[in-house]
Amino acid sequence: MDSDQKAQIEKAIREKLEKVTSDIAMLKEQTKPISPDNAYGRVSRMDAINNKSVAEANLRQAENTIKRLNIALDHLKKDDFGKCISCGSEINPKRLMIMPESRKCIRCASRG
């Protein structure tokens, strides 16, 4: 992988980090505790609790994405960046642009 491709992937990683970081701020707002306020009816309260649970799951997923993107950013500086950890072949640069945290080529990733 040449330095131009690495620069493009680094830019994609930084853009994703920025987006996911702003998503996390929004999700933290949505996961605040729901007060047992009289303004909620029983169904509305259950709906709010369900929405909070979904937001909490999304928050955990976003935090994991941040971790994986930071690992990819650190790994970008190494010579073996862009090589599959299973078979050692080159990962398609287009795949890395879309999913920079990918550590496996499509063939190995589809195997599980």
PDB file of N, CA and C in Angstrom:
ATOM      1  N   MET A   1       0.850  -1.169   0.000  1.00  0.00           N
ATOM      2  CA  MET A   1       0.000   0.000   0.000  1.00  0.00           C
ATOM      3  C   MET A   1       0.898   1.235   0.000  1.00  0.00           C
ATOM      4  N   ASP A   2       0.597   2.166  -0.904  1.00  0.00           N
ATOM      5  CA  ASP A   2       1.457   3.350  -1.003  1.00  0.00           C
ATOM      6  C   ASP A   2       1.021   4.436  -0.007  1.00  0.00           C
ATOM      7  N   SER A   3       1.861   5.435   0.142  1.00  0.00           N
ATOM      8  CA  SER A   3       1.618   6.485   1.137  1.00  0.00           C
ATOM      9  C   SER A   3       0.393   7.328   0.804  1.00  0.00           C
ATOM     10  N   ASP A   4       0.067   7.451  -0.469  1.00  0.00           N
ATOM     11  CA  ASP A   4      -1.121   8.208  -0.881  1.00  0.00           C
ATOM     12  C   ASP A   4      -2.387   7.516  -0.384  1.00  0.00           C
ATOM     13  N   GLN A   5      -2.439   6.201  -0.548  1.00  0.00           N
ATOM     14  CA  GLN A   5      -3.592   5.436  -0.078  1.00  0.00           C
ATOM     15  C   GLN A   5      -3.691   5.499   1.441  1.00  0.00           C
ATOM     16  N   LYS A   6      -2.547   5.413   2.106  1.00  0.00           N
ATOM     17  CA  LYS A   6      -2.546   5.500   3.568  1.00  0.00           C
ATOM     18  C   LYS A   6      -3.053   6.867   4.034  1.00  0.00           C
ATOM     19  N   ALA A   7      -2.683   7.923   3.323  1.00  0.00           N
ATOM     20  CA  ALA A   7      -3.142   9.267   3.676  1.00  0.00           C
ATOM     21  C   ALA A   7      -4.656   9.380   3.511  1.00  0.00           C
ATOM     22  N   GLN A   8      -5.185   8.786   2.449  1.00  0.00           N
ATOM     23  CA  GLN A   8      -6.635   8.813   2.242  1.00  0.00           C
ATOM     24  C   GLN A   8      -7.355   8.026   3.333  1.00  0.00           C
ATOM     25  N   ILE A   9      -6.801   6.891   3.707  1.00  0.00           N
ATOM     26  CA  ILE A   9      -7.411   6.071   4.752  1.00  0.00           C
ATOM     27  C   ILE A   9      -7.327   6.788   6.097  1.00  0.00           C
ATOM     28  N   GLU A  10      -6.208   7.452   6.360  1.00  0.00           N
ATOM     29  CA  GLU A  10      -6.087   8.217   7.610  1.00  0.00           C
ATOM     30  C   GLU A  10      -7.147   9.312   7.666  1.00  0.00           C
ATOM     31  N   LYS A  11      -7.361   9.979   6.552  1.00  0.00           N
ATOM     32  CA  LYS A  11      -8.386  11.019   6.492  1.00  0.00           C
ATOM     33  C   LYS A  11      -9.769  10.427   6.764  1.00  0.00           C
ATOM     34  N   ALA A  12     -10.046   9.260   6.181  1.00  0.00           N
ATOM     35  CA  ALA A  12     -11.330   8.593   6.403  1.00  0.00           C
ATOM     36  C   ALA A  12     -11.502   8.206   7.873  1.00  0.00           C
ATOM     37  N   ILE A  13     -10.426   7.724   8.492  1.00  0.00           N
ATOM     38  CA  ILE A  13     -10.477   7.352   9.909  1.00  0.00           C
ATOM     39  C   ILE A  13     -10.777   8.577  10.764  1.00  0.00           C
ATOM     40  N   ARG A  14     -10.087   9.664  10.510  1.00  0.00           N
ATOM     41  CA  ARG A  14     -10.291  10.877  11.306  1.00  0.00           C
ATOM     42  C   ARG A  14     -11.713  11.433  11.118  1.00  0.00           C
ATOM     43  N   GLU A  15     -12.242  11.355   9.907  1.00  0.00           N
ATOM     44  CA  GLU A  15     -13.617  11.809   9.672  1.00  0.00           C
ATOM     45  C   GLU A  15     -14.615  10.930  10.417  1.00  0.00           C
ATOM     46  N   LYS A  16     -14.386   9.610  10.391  1.00  0.00           N
ATOM     47  CA  LYS A  16     -15.268   8.699  11.119  1.00  0.00           C
ATOM     48  C   LYS A  16     -15.184   8.943  12.623  1.00  0.00           C
ATOM     49  N   LEU A  17     -13.966   9.168  13.118  1.00  0.00           N
ATOM     50  CA  LEU A  17     -13.794   9.448  14.546  1.00  0.00           C
ATOM     51  C   LEU A  17     -14.588  10.686  14.955  1.00  0.00           C
ATOM     52  N   GLU A  18     -14.526  11.713  14.126  1.00  0.00           N
ATOM     53  CA  GLU A  18     -15.245  12.955  14.416  1.00  0.00           C
ATOM     54  C   GLU A  18     -16.755  12.715  14.437  1.00  0.00           C
ATOM     55  N   LYS A  19     -17.251  11.961  13.458  1.00  0.00           N
ATOM     56  CA  LYS A  19     -18.681  11.696  13.382  1.00  0.00           C
ATOM     57  C   LYS A  19     -19.150  10.850  14.563  1.00  0.00           C
ATOM     58  N   VAL A  20     -18.415   9.785  14.852  1.00  0.00           N
ATOM     59  CA  VAL A  20     -18.815   8.895  15.942  1.00  0.00           C
ATOM     60  C   VAL A  20     -18.723   9.617  17.289  1.00  0.00           C
ATOM     61  N   THR A  21     -17.742  10.484  17.451  1.00  0.00           N
ATOM     62  CA  THR A  21     -17.622  11.262  18.689  1.00  0.00           C
ATOM     63  C   THR A  21     -18.837  12.164  18.882  1.00  0.00           C
ATOM     64  N   SER A  22     -19.295  12.794  17.814  1.00  0.00           N
ATOM     65  CA  SER A  22     -20.498  13.637  17.943  1.00  0.00           C
ATOM     66  C   SER A  22     -21.733  12.778  18.185  1.00  0.00           C
ATOM     67  N   ASP A  23     -21.780  11.577  17.583  1.00  0.00           N
ATOM     68  CA  ASP A  23     -22.894  10.655  17.837  1.00  0.00           C
ATOM     69  C   ASP A  23     -22.920  10.244  19.307  1.00  0.00           C
ATOM     70  N   ILE A  24     -21.751  10.019  19.876  1.00  0.00           N
ATOM     71  CA  ILE A  24     -21.672   9.616  21.283  1.00  0.00           C
ATOM     72  C   ILE A  24     -22.243  10.699  22.188  1.00  0.00           C
ATOM     73  N   ALA A  25     -21.941  11.952  21.884  1.00  0.00           N
ATOM     74  CA  ALA A  25     -22.475  13.049  22.693  1.00  0.00           C
ATOM     75  C   ALA A  25     -23.999  13.041  22.657  1.00  0.00           C
ATOM     76  N   MET A  26     -24.574  12.814  21.479  1.00  0.00           N
ATOM     77  CA  MET A  26     -26.023  12.772  21.344  1.00  0.00           C
ATOM     78  C   MET A  26     -26.598  11.553  22.073  1.00  0.00           C
ATOM     79  N   LEU A  27     -25.939  10.413  21.952  1.00  0.00           N
ATOM     80  CA  LEU A  27     -26.426   9.199  22.595  1.00  0.00           C
ATOM     81  C   LEU A  27     -26.365   9.297  24.117  1.00  0.00           C
ATOM     82  N   LYS A  28     -25.356   9.985  24.631  1.00  0.00           N
ATOM     83  CA  LYS A  28     -25.275  10.162  26.088  1.00  0.00           C
ATOM     84  C   LYS A  28     -26.464  10.957  26.612  1.00  0.00           C
ATOM     85  N   GLU A  29     -26.932  11.913  25.809  1.00  0.00           N
ATOM     86  CA  GLU A  29     -28.135  12.666  26.177  1.00  0.00           C
ATOM     87  C   GLU A  29     -29.348  11.745  26.235  1.00  0.00           C
ATOM     88  N   GLN A  30     -29.429  10.830  25.284  1.00  0.00           N
ATOM     89  CA  GLN A  30     -30.580   9.936  25.184  1.00  0.00           C
ATOM     90  C   GLN A  30     -30.565   8.830  26.234  1.00  0.00           C
ATOM     91  N   THR A  31     -29.427   8.607  26.863  1.00  0.00           N
ATOM     92  CA  THR A  31     -29.333   7.533  27.854  1.00  0.00           C
ATOM     93  C   THR A  31     -29.408   8.034  29.289  1.00  0.00           C
ATOM     94  N   LYS A  32     -29.740   9.295  29.447  1.00  0.00           N
ATOM     95  CA  LYS A  32     -29.902   9.810  30.810  1.00  0.00           C
ATOM     96  C   LYS A  32     -31.078   9.098  31.488  1.00  0.00           C
ATOM     97  N   PRO A  33     -31.022   8.981  32.817  1.00  0.00           N
ATOM     98  CA  PRO A  33     -32.095   8.294  33.530  1.00  0.00           C
ATOM     99  C   PRO A  33     -33.456   8.939  33.274  1.00  0.00           C
ATOM    100  N   ILE A  34     -34.472   8.095  33.245  1.00  0.00           N
ATOM    101  CA  ILE A  34     -35.843   8.560  33.042  1.00  0.00           C
ATOM    102  C   ILE A  34     -36.481   8.700  34.412  1.00  0.00           C
ATOM    103  N   SER A  35     -36.871   9.905  34.736  1.00  0.00           N
ATOM    104  CA  SER A  35     -37.454  10.144  36.056  1.00  0.00           C
ATOM    105  C   SER A  35     -38.865   9.573  36.109  1.00  0.00           C
ATOM    106  N   PRO A  36     -39.260   9.077  37.268  1.00  0.00           N
ATOM    107  CA  PRO A  36     -40.621   8.542  37.407  1.00  0.00           C
ATOM    108  C   PRO A  36     -41.639   9.674  37.549  1.00  0.00           C
ATOM    109  N   ASP A  37     -41.697  10.465  36.551  1.00  0.00           N
ATOM    110  CA  ASP A  37     -42.527  11.658  36.505  1.00  0.00           C
ATOM    111  C   ASP A  37     -43.985  11.282  36.232  1.00  0.00           C
ATOM    112  N   ASN A  38     -44.934  12.029  36.788  1.00  0.00           N
ATOM    113  CA  ASN A  38     -46.351  11.782  36.548  1.00  0.00           C
ATOM    114  C   ASN A  38     -46.774  12.173  35.140  1.00  0.00           C
ATOM    115  N   ALA A  39     -45.941  12.899  34.417  1.00  0.00           N
ATOM    116  CA  ALA A  39     -46.286  13.349  33.078  1.00  0.00           C
ATOM    117  C   ALA A  39     -46.311  12.185  32.087  1.00  0.00           C
ATOM    118  N   TYR A  40     -45.640  11.104  32.421  1.00  0.00           N
ATOM    119  CA  TYR A  40     -45.642   9.941  31.541  1.00  0.00           C
ATOM    120  C   TYR A  40     -46.822   9.050  31.866  1.00  0.00           C
ATOM    121  N   GLY A  41     -47.488   8.570  30.861  1.00  0.00           N
ATOM    122  CA  GLY A  41     -48.463   7.509  31.055  1.00  0.00           C
ATOM    123  C   GLY A  41     -47.701   6.203  31.080  1.00  0.00           C
ATOM    124  N   ARG A  42     -48.382   5.141  31.401  1.00  0.00           N
ATOM    125  CA  ARG A  42     -47.706   3.844  31.506  1.00  0.00           C
ATOM    126  C   ARG A  42     -47.072   3.438  30.175  1.00  0.00           C
ATOM    127  N   VAL A  43     -47.813   3.558  29.074  1.00  0.00           N
ATOM    128  CA  VAL A  43     -47.297   3.164  27.765  1.00  0.00           C
ATOM    129  C   VAL A  43     -46.166   4.099  27.336  1.00  0.00           C
ATOM    130  N   SER A  44     -46.331   5.398  27.563  1.00  0.00           N
ATOM    131  CA  SER A  44     -45.302   6.363  27.189  1.00  0.00           C
ATOM    132  C   SER A  44     -44.016   6.112  27.959  1.00  0.00           C
ATOM    133  N   ARG A  45     -44.151   5.781  29.227  1.00  0.00           N
ATOM    134  CA  ARG A  45     -42.975   5.508  30.051  1.00  0.00           C
ATOM    135  C   ARG A  45     -42.254   4.258  29.555  1.00  0.00           C
ATOM    136  N   MET A  46     -43.022   3.214  29.240  1.00  0.00           N
ATOM    137  CA  MET A  46     -42.410   1.985  28.727  1.00  0.00           C
ATOM    138  C   MET A  46     -41.713   2.249  27.384  1.00  0.00           C
ATOM    139  N   ASP A  47     -42.313   3.080  26.560  1.00  0.00           N
ATOM    140  CA  ASP A  47     -41.700   3.438  25.280  1.00  0.00           C
ATOM    141  C   ASP A  47     -40.402   4.211  25.515  1.00  0.00           C
ATOM    142  N   ALA A  48     -40.411   5.126  26.470  1.00  0.00           N
ATOM    143  CA  ALA A  48     -39.206   5.902  26.788  1.00  0.00           C
ATOM    144  C   ALA A  48     -38.098   4.986  27.321  1.00  0.00           C
ATOM    145  N   ILE A  49     -38.467   4.009  28.145  1.00  0.00           N
ATOM    146  CA  ILE A  49     -37.484   3.068  28.687  1.00  0.00           C
ATOM    147  C   ILE A  49     -36.913   2.205  27.556  1.00  0.00           C
ATOM    148  N   ASN A  50     -37.767   1.782  26.636  1.00  0.00           N
ATOM    149  CA  ASN A  50     -37.312   0.991  25.493  1.00  0.00           C
ATOM    150  C   ASN A  50     -36.350   1.814  24.628  1.00  0.00           C
ATOM    151  N   ASN A  51     -36.705   3.063  24.350  1.00  0.00           N
ATOM    152  CA  ASN A  51     -35.837   3.937  23.560  1.00  0.00           C
ATOM    153  C   ASN A  51     -34.495   4.150  24.243  1.00  0.00           C
ATOM    154  N   LYS A  52     -34.511   4.263  25.561  1.00  0.00           N
ATOM    155  CA  LYS A  52     -33.277   4.426  26.331  1.00  0.00           C
ATOM    156  C   LYS A  52     -32.401   3.192  26.194  1.00  0.00           C
ATOM    157  N   SER A  53     -33.001   2.011  26.216  1.00  0.00           N
ATOM    158  CA  SER A  53     -32.243   0.764  26.058  1.00  0.00           C
ATOM    159  C   SER A  53     -31.587   0.681  24.680  1.00  0.00           C
ATOM    160  N   VAL A  54     -32.327   1.086  23.656  1.00  0.00           N
ATOM    161  CA  VAL A  54     -31.774   1.095  22.296  1.00  0.00           C
ATOM    162  C   VAL A  54     -30.616   2.082  22.213  1.00  0.00           C
ATOM    163  N   ALA A  55     -30.782   3.258  22.810  1.00  0.00           N
ATOM    164  CA  ALA A  55     -29.725   4.269  22.799  1.00  0.00           C
ATOM    165  C   ALA A  55     -28.488   3.774  23.545  1.00  0.00           C
ATOM    166  N   GLU A  56     -28.687   3.039  24.656  1.00  0.00           N
ATOM    167  CA  GLU A  56     -27.553   2.493  25.404  1.00  0.00           C
ATOM    168  C   GLU A  56     -26.778   1.475  24.566  1.00  0.00           C
ATOM    169  N   ALA A  57     -27.505   0.631  23.827  1.00  0.00           N
ATOM    170  CA  ALA A  57     -26.839  -0.346  22.954  1.00  0.00           C
ATOM    171  C   ALA A  57     -26.062   0.378  21.849  1.00  0.00           C
ATOM    172  N   ASN A  58     -26.665   1.413  21.284  1.00  0.00           N
ATOM    173  CA  ASN A  58     -25.984   2.197  20.247  1.00  0.00           C
ATOM    174  C   ASN A  58     -24.758   2.911  20.803  1.00  0.00           C
ATOM    175  N   LEU A  59     -24.856   3.376  22.039  1.00  0.00           N
ATOM    176  CA  LEU A  59     -23.724   4.041  22.685  1.00  0.00           C
ATOM    177  C   LEU A  59     -22.564   3.067  22.870  1.00  0.00           C
ATOM    178  N   ARG A  60     -22.850   1.857  23.339  1.00  0.00           N
ATOM    179  CA  ARG A  60     -21.792   0.844  23.500  1.00  0.00           C
ATOM    180  C   ARG A  60     -21.148   0.524  22.161  1.00  0.00           C
ATOM    181  N   GLN A  61     -21.956   0.397  21.126  1.00  0.00           N
ATOM    182  CA  GLN A  61     -21.430   0.106  19.796  1.00  0.00           C
ATOM    183  C   GLN A  61     -20.559   1.263  19.290  1.00  0.00           C
ATOM    184  N   ALA A  62     -20.987   2.496  19.521  1.00  0.00           N
ATOM    185  CA  ALA A  62     -20.211   3.665  19.085  1.00  0.00           C
ATOM    186  C   ALA A  62     -18.886   3.744  19.845  1.00  0.00           C
ATOM    187  N   GLU A  63     -18.912   3.439  21.140  1.00  0.00           N
ATOM    188  CA  GLU A  63     -17.675   3.459  21.923  1.00  0.00           C
ATOM    189  C   GLU A  63     -16.703   2.379  21.438  1.00  0.00           C
ATOM    190  N   ASN A  64     -17.232   1.212  21.061  1.00  0.00           N
ATOM    191  CA  ASN A  64     -16.371   0.157  20.502  1.00  0.00           C
ATOM    192  C   ASN A  64     -15.806   0.584  19.155  1.00  0.00           C
ATOM    193  N   THR A  65     -16.601   1.282  18.365  1.00  0.00           N
ATOM    194  CA  THR A  65     -16.131   1.772  17.070  1.00  0.00           C
ATOM    195  C   THR A  65     -14.983   2.754  17.262  1.00  0.00           C
ATOM    196  N   ILE A  66     -15.102   3.644  18.246  1.00  0.00           N
ATOM    197  CA  ILE A  66     -14.023   4.602  18.551  1.00  0.00           C
ATOM    198  C   ILE A  66     -12.736   3.844  18.886  1.00  0.00           C
ATOM    199  N   LYS A  67     -12.856   2.811  19.705  1.00  0.00           N
ATOM    200  CA  LYS A  67     -11.673   2.025  20.078  1.00  0.00           C
ATOM    201  C   LYS A  67     -11.036   1.387  18.848  1.00  0.00           C
ATOM    202  N   ARG A  68     -11.869   0.764  17.995  1.00  0.00           N
ATOM    203  CA  ARG A  68     -11.343   0.099  16.799  1.00  0.00           C
ATOM    204  C   ARG A  68     -10.715   1.105  15.836  1.00  0.00           C
ATOM    205  N   LEU A  69     -11.319   2.287  15.695  1.00  0.00           N
ATOM    206  CA  LEU A  69     -10.762   3.313  14.810  1.00  0.00           C
ATOM    207  C   LEU A  69      -9.427   3.828  15.337  1.00  0.00           C
ATOM    208  N   ASN A  70      -9.325   4.003  16.646  1.00  0.00           N
ATOM    209  CA  ASN A  70      -8.052   4.441  17.235  1.00  0.00           C
ATOM    210  C   ASN A  70      -6.966   3.384  17.054  1.00  0.00           C
ATOM    211  N   ILE A  71      -7.342   2.115  17.167  1.00  0.00           N
ATOM    212  CA  ILE A  71      -6.388   1.033  16.929  1.00  0.00           C
ATOM    213  C   ILE A  71      -5.938   1.065  15.473  1.00  0.00           C
ATOM    214  N   ALA A  72      -6.902   1.265  14.554  1.00  0.00           N
ATOM    215  CA  ALA A  72      -6.572   1.342  13.120  1.00  0.00           C
ATOM    216  C   ALA A  72      -5.643   2.521  12.842  1.00  0.00           C
ATOM    217  N   LEU A  73      -5.888   3.634  13.522  1.00  0.00           N
ATOM    218  CA  LEU A  73      -5.047   4.824  13.332  1.00  0.00           C
ATOM    219  C   LEU A  73      -3.625   4.540  13.790  1.00  0.00           C
ATOM    220  N   ASP A  74      -3.465   3.846  14.909  1.00  0.00           N
ATOM    221  CA  ASP A  74      -2.132   3.464  15.384  1.00  0.00           C
ATOM    222  C   ASP A  74      -1.485   2.447  14.446  1.00  0.00           C
ATOM    223  N   HIS A  75      -2.279   1.511  13.977  1.00  0.00           N
ATOM    224  CA  HIS A  75      -1.769   0.450  13.104  1.00  0.00           C
ATOM    225  C   HIS A  75      -1.374   0.997  11.730  1.00  0.00           C
ATOM    226  N   LEU A  76      -1.983   2.097  11.328  1.00  0.00           N
ATOM    227  CA  LEU A  76      -1.715   2.713  10.023  1.00  0.00           C
ATOM    228  C   LEU A  76      -0.232   3.032   9.843  1.00  0.00           C
ATOM    229  N   LYS A  77       0.464   3.306  10.941  1.00  0.00           N
ATOM    230  CA  LYS A  77       1.877   3.680  10.893  1.00  0.00           C
ATOM    231  C   LYS A  77       2.800   2.473  10.697  1.00  0.00           C
ATOM    232  N   LYS A  78       2.252   1.275  10.849  1.00  0.00           N
ATOM    233  CA  LYS A  78       3.070   0.067  10.740  1.00  0.00           C
ATOM    234  C   LYS A  78       3.133  -0.412   9.298  1.00  0.00           C
ATOM    235  N   ASP A  79       4.180  -1.149   9.010  1.00  0.00           N
ATOM    236  CA  ASP A  79       4.401  -1.658   7.646  1.00  0.00           C
ATOM    237  C   ASP A  79       3.359  -2.690   7.224  1.00  0.00           C
ATOM    238  N   ASP A  80       2.800  -3.423   8.194  1.00  0.00           N
ATOM    239  CA  ASP A  80       1.852  -4.473   7.832  1.00  0.00           C
ATOM    240  C   ASP A  80       0.404  -3.988   7.761  1.00  0.00           C
ATOM    241  N   PHE A  81       0.191  -2.664   7.832  1.00  0.00           N
ATOM    242  CA  PHE A  81      -1.171  -2.149   7.693  1.00  0.00           C
ATOM    243  C   PHE A  81      -1.698  -2.495   6.306  1.00  0.00           C
ATOM    244  N   GLY A  82      -2.943  -2.959   6.252  1.00  0.00           N
ATOM    245  CA  GLY A  82      -3.551  -3.311   4.975  1.00  0.00           C
ATOM    246  C   GLY A  82      -3.354  -4.759   4.591  1.00  0.00           C
ATOM    247  N   LYS A  83      -2.738  -5.527   5.484  1.00  0.00           N
ATOM    248  CA  LYS A  83      -2.565  -6.955   5.233  1.00  0.00           C
ATOM    249  C   LYS A  83      -3.511  -7.723   6.159  1.00  0.00           C
ATOM    250  N   CYS A  84      -4.116  -8.735   5.613  1.00  0.00           N
ATOM    251  CA  CYS A  84      -5.063  -9.570   6.354  1.00  0.00           C
ATOM    252  C   CYS A  84      -4.342 -10.294   7.490  1.00  0.00           C
ATOM    253  N   ILE A  85      -4.926 -10.281   8.678  1.00  0.00           N
ATOM    254  CA  ILE A  85      -4.297 -10.959   9.818  1.00  0.00           C
ATOM    255  C   ILE A  85      -4.457 -12.472   9.745  1.00  0.00           C
ATOM    256  N   SER A  86      -5.367 -12.946   8.874  1.00  0.00           N
ATOM    257  CA  SER A  86      -5.555 -14.393   8.747  1.00  0.00           C
ATOM    258  C   SER A  86      -4.685 -15.001   7.666  1.00  0.00           C
ATOM    259  N   CYS A  87      -4.753 -14.441   6.457  1.00  0.00           N
ATOM    260  CA  CYS A  87      -4.034 -15.067   5.334  1.00  0.00           C
ATOM    261  C   CYS A  87      -2.813 -14.273   4.878  1.00  0.00           C
ATOM    262  N   GLY A  88      -2.678 -13.017   5.312  1.00  0.00           N
ATOM    263  CA  GLY A  88      -1.517 -12.212   4.964  1.00  0.00           C
ATOM    264  C   GLY A  88      -1.608 -11.499   3.627  1.00  0.00           C
ATOM    265  N   SER A  89      -2.707 -11.699   2.896  1.00  0.00           N
ATOM    266  CA  SER A  89      -2.833 -11.014   1.600  1.00  0.00           C
ATOM    267  C   SER A  89      -3.277  -9.563   1.807  1.00  0.00           C
ATOM    268  N   GLU A  90      -3.136  -8.767   0.759  1.00  0.00           N
ATOM    269  CA  GLU A  90      -3.521  -7.352   0.813  1.00  0.00           C
ATOM    270  C   GLU A  90      -5.038  -7.213   0.965  1.00  0.00           C
ATOM    271  N   ILE A  91      -5.466  -6.336   1.847  1.00  0.00           N
ATOM    272  CA  ILE A  91      -6.879  -5.994   1.959  1.00  0.00           C
ATOM    273  C   ILE A  91      -7.141  -4.923   0.906  1.00  0.00           C
ATOM    274  N   ASN A  92      -8.223  -5.069   0.184  1.00  0.00           N
ATOM    275  CA  ASN A  92      -8.577  -4.112  -0.856  1.00  0.00           C
ATOM    276  C   ASN A  92      -8.644  -2.704  -0.255  1.00  0.00           C
ATOM    277  N   PRO A  93      -7.920  -1.726  -0.814  1.00  0.00           N
ATOM    278  CA  PRO A  93      -7.947  -0.358  -0.282  1.00  0.00           C
ATOM    279  C   PRO A  93      -9.355   0.247  -0.237  1.00  0.00           C
ATOM    280  N   LYS A  94     -10.237  -0.172  -1.160  1.00  0.00           N
ATOM    281  CA  LYS A  94     -11.623   0.320  -1.130  1.00  0.00           C
ATOM    282  C   LYS A  94     -12.329  -0.159   0.125  1.00  0.00           C
ATOM    283  N   ARG A  95     -12.047  -1.380   0.542  1.00  0.00           N
ATOM    284  CA  ARG A  95     -12.621  -1.907   1.790  1.00  0.00           C
ATOM    285  C   ARG A  95     -12.120  -1.098   2.978  1.00  0.00           C
ATOM    286  N   LEU A  96     -10.835  -0.778   2.967  1.00  0.00           N
ATOM    287  CA  LEU A  96     -10.258  -0.008   4.069  1.00  0.00           C
ATOM    288  C   LEU A  96     -10.794   1.426   4.106  1.00  0.00           C
ATOM    289  N   MET A  97     -11.162   1.967   2.944  1.00  0.00           N
ATOM    290  CA  MET A  97     -11.748   3.316   2.924  1.00  0.00           C
ATOM    291  C   MET A  97     -13.123   3.306   3.588  1.00  0.00           C
ATOM    292  N   ILE A  98     -13.875   2.240   3.367  1.00  0.00           N
ATOM    293  CA  ILE A  98     -15.219   2.140   3.934  1.00  0.00           C
ATOM    294  C   ILE A  98     -15.165   1.686   5.386  1.00  0.00           C
ATOM    295  N   MET A  99     -14.318   0.698   5.643  1.00  0.00           N
ATOM    296  CA  MET A  99     -14.190   0.127   6.986  1.00  0.00           C
ATOM    297  C   MET A  99     -12.713   0.102   7.379  1.00  0.00           C
ATOM    298  N   PRO A 100     -12.155   1.252   7.751  1.00  0.00           N
ATOM    299  CA  PRO A 100     -10.715   1.303   8.049  1.00  0.00           C
ATOM    300  C   PRO A 100     -10.289   0.435   9.224  1.00  0.00           C
ATOM    301  N   GLU A 101     -11.231   0.046  10.043  1.00  0.00           N
ATOM    302  CA  GLU A 101     -10.898  -0.796  11.186  1.00  0.00           C
ATOM    303  C   GLU A 101     -10.798  -2.277  10.807  1.00  0.00           C
ATOM    304  N   SER A 102     -11.054  -2.605   9.533  1.00  0.00           N
ATOM    305  CA  SER A 102     -10.984  -3.992   9.055  1.00  0.00           C
ATOM    306  C   SER A 102      -9.570  -4.538   9.202  1.00  0.00           C
ATOM    307  N   ARG A 103      -9.471  -5.732   9.726  1.00  0.00           N
ATOM    308  CA  ARG A 103      -8.172  -6.387   9.863  1.00  0.00           C
ATOM    309  C   ARG A 103      -8.085  -7.638   9.005  1.00  0.00           C
ATOM    310  N   LYS A 104      -9.219  -7.977   8.335  1.00  0.00           N
ATOM    311  CA  LYS A 104      -9.256  -9.158   7.492  1.00  0.00           C
ATOM    312  C   LYS A 104      -9.729  -8.792   6.097  1.00  0.00           C
ATOM    313  N   CYS A 105      -9.253  -9.553   5.114  1.00  0.00           N
ATOM    314  CA  CYS A 105      -9.743  -9.369   3.746  1.00  0.00           C
ATOM    315  C   CYS A 105     -11.183  -9.895   3.689  1.00  0.00           C
ATOM    316  N   ILE A 106     -11.866  -9.599   2.612  1.00  0.00           N
ATOM    317  CA  ILE A 106     -13.263 -10.000   2.479  1.00  0.00           C
ATOM    318  C   ILE A 106     -13.407 -11.533   2.555  1.00  0.00           C
ATOM    319  N   ARG A 107     -12.504 -12.240   1.901  1.00  0.00           N
ATOM    320  CA  ARG A 107     -12.569 -13.702   1.897  1.00  0.00           C
ATOM    321  C   ARG A 107     -12.473 -14.262   3.305  1.00  0.00           C
ATOM    322  N   CYS A 108     -11.522 -13.819   4.088  1.00  0.00           N
ATOM    323  CA  CYS A 108     -11.353 -14.321   5.450  1.00  0.00           C
ATOM    324  C   CYS A 108     -12.465 -13.833   6.380  1.00  0.00           C
ATOM    325  N   ALA A 109     -12.919 -12.605   6.176  1.00  0.00           N
ATOM    326  CA  ALA A 109     -13.989 -12.065   7.017  1.00  0.00           C
ATOM    327  C   ALA A 109     -15.296 -12.816   6.790  1.00  0.00           C
ATOM    328  N   SER A 110     -15.539 -13.272   5.570  1.00  0.00           N
ATOM    329  CA  SER A 110     -16.784 -13.979   5.278  1.00  0.00           C
ATOM    330  C   SER A 110     -16.777 -15.399   5.844  1.00  0.00           C
ATOM    331  N   ARG A 111     -15.605 -15.917   6.109  1.00  0.00           N
ATOM    332  CA  ARG A 111     -15.490 -17.247   6.718  1.00  0.00           C
ATOM    333  C   ARG A 111     -15.848 -17.239   8.198  1.00  0.00           C
ATOM    334  N   GLY A 112     -15.731 -16.064   8.812  1.00  0.00           N
ATOM    335  CA  GLY A 112     -16.096 -15.979  10.213  1.00  0.00           C
ATOM    336  C   GLY A 112     -14.996 -15.848  11.102  1.00  0.00           C
TER     337      GLY A 112
END
